[in-house]
Amino acid sequence: MRPPSEMRVSKDRRLLTVLFSDHAPIPLEAELLRVVSPSAEVQGHSPEQRVTVPGKRSVAISRIEPVGNYAVRIIFDDGHDTGIFTWTYLHELGHEKDARWQTYLDELAEKGLSRG
């Protein structure tokens, strides 16, 4: 997959907008990016090890670093910095954002956790 033509972080650092040349802009909230981070810390090493991350309602993006020509590392203000967001994963999040968000909200409710 080609890299995005542009990536913008909002002034409040809580929204990343990704622009692929053949796609409408993809707005991704920092909270969503943090709780679906592709890191082993969140995803585990198997589906059974995946963690539901609570209390990230006010998380913000501290910075974004390029990783080769295929991804970026998003560093969050809570110290999380191990997720490598590939272009493909960011594109998928754009298409699956609503479903992934609802799954996250359902998991929080099921486990008695909150967004904080």
C-alpha atoms as a PDB file:
ATOM      1  CA  MET A   1       0.000   0.000   0.000  1.00  0.00           C
ATOM      2  CA  ARG A   2       1.198   3.496  -0.806  1.00  0.00           C
ATOM      3  CA  PRO A   3       1.915   5.914   2.035  1.00  0.00           C
ATOM      4  CA  PRO A   4      -0.647   8.583   2.837  1.00  0.00           C
ATOM      5  CA  SER A   5      -0.242  11.856   1.000  1.00  0.00           C
ATOM      6  CA  GLU A   6      -0.660  13.685   4.298  1.00  0.00           C
ATOM      7  CA  MET A   7      -1.144  13.107   8.020  1.00  0.00           C
ATOM      8  CA  ARG A   8      -2.436  15.918  10.250  1.00  0.00           C
ATOM      9  CA  VAL A   9      -2.699  16.070  14.019  1.00  0.00           C
ATOM     10  CA  SER A  10      -5.294  18.511  15.334  1.00  0.00           C
ATOM     11  CA  LYS A  11      -4.262  21.414  17.575  1.00  0.00           C
ATOM     12  CA  ASP A  12      -5.661  19.676  20.662  1.00  0.00           C
ATOM     13  CA  ARG A  13      -3.651  16.536  19.681  1.00  0.00           C
ATOM     14  CA  ARG A  14      -6.745  14.324  19.929  1.00  0.00           C
ATOM     15  CA  LEU A  15      -7.413  13.690  16.242  1.00  0.00           C
ATOM     16  CA  LEU A  16      -5.223  12.314  13.476  1.00  0.00           C
ATOM     17  CA  THR A  17      -6.477  12.826   9.935  1.00  0.00           C
ATOM     18  CA  VAL A  18      -4.908  10.540   7.360  1.00  0.00           C
ATOM     19  CA  LEU A  19      -5.188  11.376   3.675  1.00  0.00           C
ATOM     20  CA  PHE A  20      -4.609   8.670   1.082  1.00  0.00           C
ATOM     21  CA  SER A  21      -4.598   9.923  -2.511  1.00  0.00           C
ATOM     22  CA  ASP A  22      -7.464   7.627  -3.563  1.00  0.00           C
ATOM     23  CA  HIS A  23      -9.631   7.981  -0.455  1.00  0.00           C
ATOM     24  CA  ALA A  24     -11.610  10.545   1.505  1.00  0.00           C
ATOM     25  CA  PRO A  25      -9.802  11.899   4.582  1.00  0.00           C
ATOM     26  CA  ILE A  26      -9.796   9.407   7.461  1.00  0.00           C
ATOM     27  CA  PRO A  27     -10.289  11.071  10.862  1.00  0.00           C
ATOM     28  CA  LEU A  28      -9.036   8.848  13.695  1.00  0.00           C
ATOM     29  CA  GLU A  29      -9.424   9.881  17.319  1.00  0.00           C
ATOM     30  CA  ALA A  30      -6.384   9.507  19.592  1.00  0.00           C
ATOM     31  CA  GLU A  31      -8.449   7.435  22.030  1.00  0.00           C
ATOM     32  CA  LEU A  32      -9.374   4.931  19.324  1.00  0.00           C
ATOM     33  CA  LEU A  33      -5.787   4.731  18.068  1.00  0.00           C
ATOM     34  CA  ARG A  34      -4.551   4.131  21.618  1.00  0.00           C
ATOM     35  CA  VAL A  35      -7.043   1.396  22.499  1.00  0.00           C
ATOM     36  CA  VAL A  36      -6.592  -0.491  19.198  1.00  0.00           C
ATOM     37  CA  SER A  37      -2.830   0.020  19.058  1.00  0.00           C
ATOM     38  CA  PRO A  38      -1.197  -2.797  17.096  1.00  0.00           C
ATOM     39  CA  SER A  39       1.387  -3.216  19.887  1.00  0.00           C
ATOM     40  CA  ALA A  40       1.915  -6.530  21.668  1.00  0.00           C
ATOM     41  CA  GLU A  41       1.064  -4.681  24.897  1.00  0.00           C
ATOM     42  CA  VAL A  42      -2.507  -4.212  23.623  1.00  0.00           C
ATOM     43  CA  GLN A  43      -2.956  -7.000  21.072  1.00  0.00           C
ATOM     44  CA  GLY A  44      -0.964  -9.668  22.886  1.00  0.00           C
ATOM     45  CA  HIS A  45       0.612 -12.479  20.932  1.00  0.00           C
ATOM     46  CA  SER A  46      -2.715 -14.192  20.243  1.00  0.00           C
ATOM     47  CA  PRO A  47      -6.379 -13.123  20.212  1.00  0.00           C
ATOM     48  CA  GLU A  48      -6.821 -14.577  23.714  1.00  0.00           C
ATOM     49  CA  GLN A  49      -4.131 -12.233  25.069  1.00  0.00           C
ATOM     50  CA  ARG A  50      -5.690  -9.034  23.686  1.00  0.00           C
ATOM     51  CA  VAL A  51      -6.214  -6.404  26.386  1.00  0.00           C
ATOM     52  CA  THR A  52      -9.153  -4.019  26.766  1.00  0.00           C
ATOM     53  CA  VAL A  53      -7.516  -0.694  27.645  1.00  0.00           C
ATOM     54  CA  PRO A  54      -9.699   1.500  29.887  1.00  0.00           C
ATOM     55  CA  GLY A  55      -9.376   5.133  30.931  1.00  0.00           C
ATOM     56  CA  LYS A  56      -8.083   6.682  27.715  1.00  0.00           C
ATOM     57  CA  ARG A  57     -10.838   9.237  27.002  1.00  0.00           C
ATOM     58  CA  SER A  58      -8.419  12.159  27.363  1.00  0.00           C
ATOM     59  CA  VAL A  59      -5.314  10.625  25.776  1.00  0.00           C
ATOM     60  CA  ALA A  60      -3.540  12.769  23.199  1.00  0.00           C
ATOM     61  CA  ILE A  61      -0.909  12.239  20.526  1.00  0.00           C
ATOM     62  CA  SER A  62       2.494  13.552  21.623  1.00  0.00           C
ATOM     63  CA  ARG A  63       4.236  12.912  18.328  1.00  0.00           C
ATOM     64  CA  ILE A  64       4.421  10.705  15.264  1.00  0.00           C
ATOM     65  CA  GLU A  65       7.623   9.144  13.959  1.00  0.00           C
ATOM     66  CA  PRO A  66       8.122   7.522  10.552  1.00  0.00           C
ATOM     67  CA  VAL A  67       9.048   3.835  10.456  1.00  0.00           C
ATOM     68  CA  GLY A  68      10.637   3.080   7.115  1.00  0.00           C
ATOM     69  CA  ASN A  69       8.337   3.615   4.149  1.00  0.00           C
ATOM     70  CA  TYR A  70       5.515   1.507   5.509  1.00  0.00           C
ATOM     71  CA  ALA A  71       4.337   2.865   8.851  1.00  0.00           C
ATOM     72  CA  VAL A  72       4.453   5.380  11.691  1.00  0.00           C
ATOM     73  CA  ARG A  73       4.956   5.017  15.414  1.00  0.00           C
ATOM     74  CA  ILE A  74       2.427   7.052  17.365  1.00  0.00           C
ATOM     75  CA  ILE A  75       3.624   8.228  20.762  1.00  0.00           C
ATOM     76  CA  PHE A  76       0.802   9.022  23.173  1.00  0.00           C
ATOM     77  CA  ASP A  77       0.937  11.359  26.156  1.00  0.00           C
ATOM     78  CA  ASP A  78       0.333   8.435  28.528  1.00  0.00           C
ATOM     79  CA  GLY A  79       3.744   7.049  27.547  1.00  0.00           C
ATOM     80  CA  HIS A  80       2.522   4.321  25.174  1.00  0.00           C
ATOM     81  CA  ASP A  81       4.911   4.233  22.221  1.00  0.00           C
ATOM     82  CA  THR A  82       5.224   0.651  20.997  1.00  0.00           C
ATOM     83  CA  GLY A  83       2.526   0.480  18.328  1.00  0.00           C
ATOM     84  CA  ILE A  84       3.650   0.478  14.703  1.00  0.00           C
ATOM     85  CA  PHE A  85       0.721   1.689  12.582  1.00  0.00           C
ATOM     86  CA  THR A  86       1.219   0.469   9.013  1.00  0.00           C
ATOM     87  CA  TRP A  87      -0.465   2.246   6.120  1.00  0.00           C
ATOM     88  CA  THR A  88      -2.645  -0.830   5.657  1.00  0.00           C
ATOM     89  CA  TYR A  89      -3.715  -0.819   9.317  1.00  0.00           C
ATOM     90  CA  LEU A  90      -4.569   2.909   9.229  1.00  0.00           C
ATOM     91  CA  HIS A  91      -6.585   2.335   6.048  1.00  0.00           C
ATOM     92  CA  GLU A  92      -8.414  -0.606   7.686  1.00  0.00           C
ATOM     93  CA  LEU A  93      -9.193   1.520  10.744  1.00  0.00           C
ATOM     94  CA  GLY A  94     -10.746   4.106   8.458  1.00  0.00           C
ATOM     95  CA  HIS A  95     -13.098   1.484   7.022  1.00  0.00           C
ATOM     96  CA  GLU A  96     -13.769  -0.381  10.284  1.00  0.00           C
ATOM     97  CA  LYS A  97     -13.723   2.550  12.711  1.00  0.00           C
ATOM     98  CA  ASP A  98     -17.372   2.407  13.789  1.00  0.00           C
ATOM     99  CA  ALA A  99     -17.397  -1.377  14.272  1.00  0.00           C
ATOM    100  CA  ARG A 100     -14.108  -1.383  16.196  1.00  0.00           C
ATOM    101  CA  TRP A 101     -15.289   1.480  18.382  1.00  0.00           C
ATOM    102  CA  GLN A 102     -18.535  -0.324  19.200  1.00  0.00           C
ATOM    103  CA  THR A 103     -16.645  -3.527  19.992  1.00  0.00           C
ATOM    104  CA  TYR A 104     -14.416  -1.542  22.349  1.00  0.00           C
ATOM    105  CA  LEU A 105     -17.410   0.071  24.096  1.00  0.00           C
ATOM    106  CA  ASP A 106     -19.088  -3.342  24.433  1.00  0.00           C
ATOM    107  CA  GLU A 107     -15.913  -4.853  25.941  1.00  0.00           C
ATOM    108  CA  LEU A 108     -15.640  -2.000  28.458  1.00  0.00           C
ATOM    109  CA  ALA A 109     -19.259  -2.508  29.537  1.00  0.00           C
ATOM    110  CA  GLU A 110     -18.878  -6.275  29.735  1.00  0.00           C
ATOM    111  CA  LYS A 111     -15.777  -5.950  31.955  1.00  0.00           C
ATOM    112  CA  GLY A 112     -17.148  -3.122  34.102  1.00  0.00           C
ATOM    113  CA  LEU A 113     -14.496  -0.695  32.850  1.00  0.00           C
ATOM    114  CA  SER A 114     -14.857   2.928  31.736  1.00  0.00           C
ATOM    115  CA  ARG A 115     -13.317   5.271  29.211  1.00  0.00           C
ATOM    116  CA  GLY A 116     -12.262   7.437  32.171  1.00  0.00           C
END
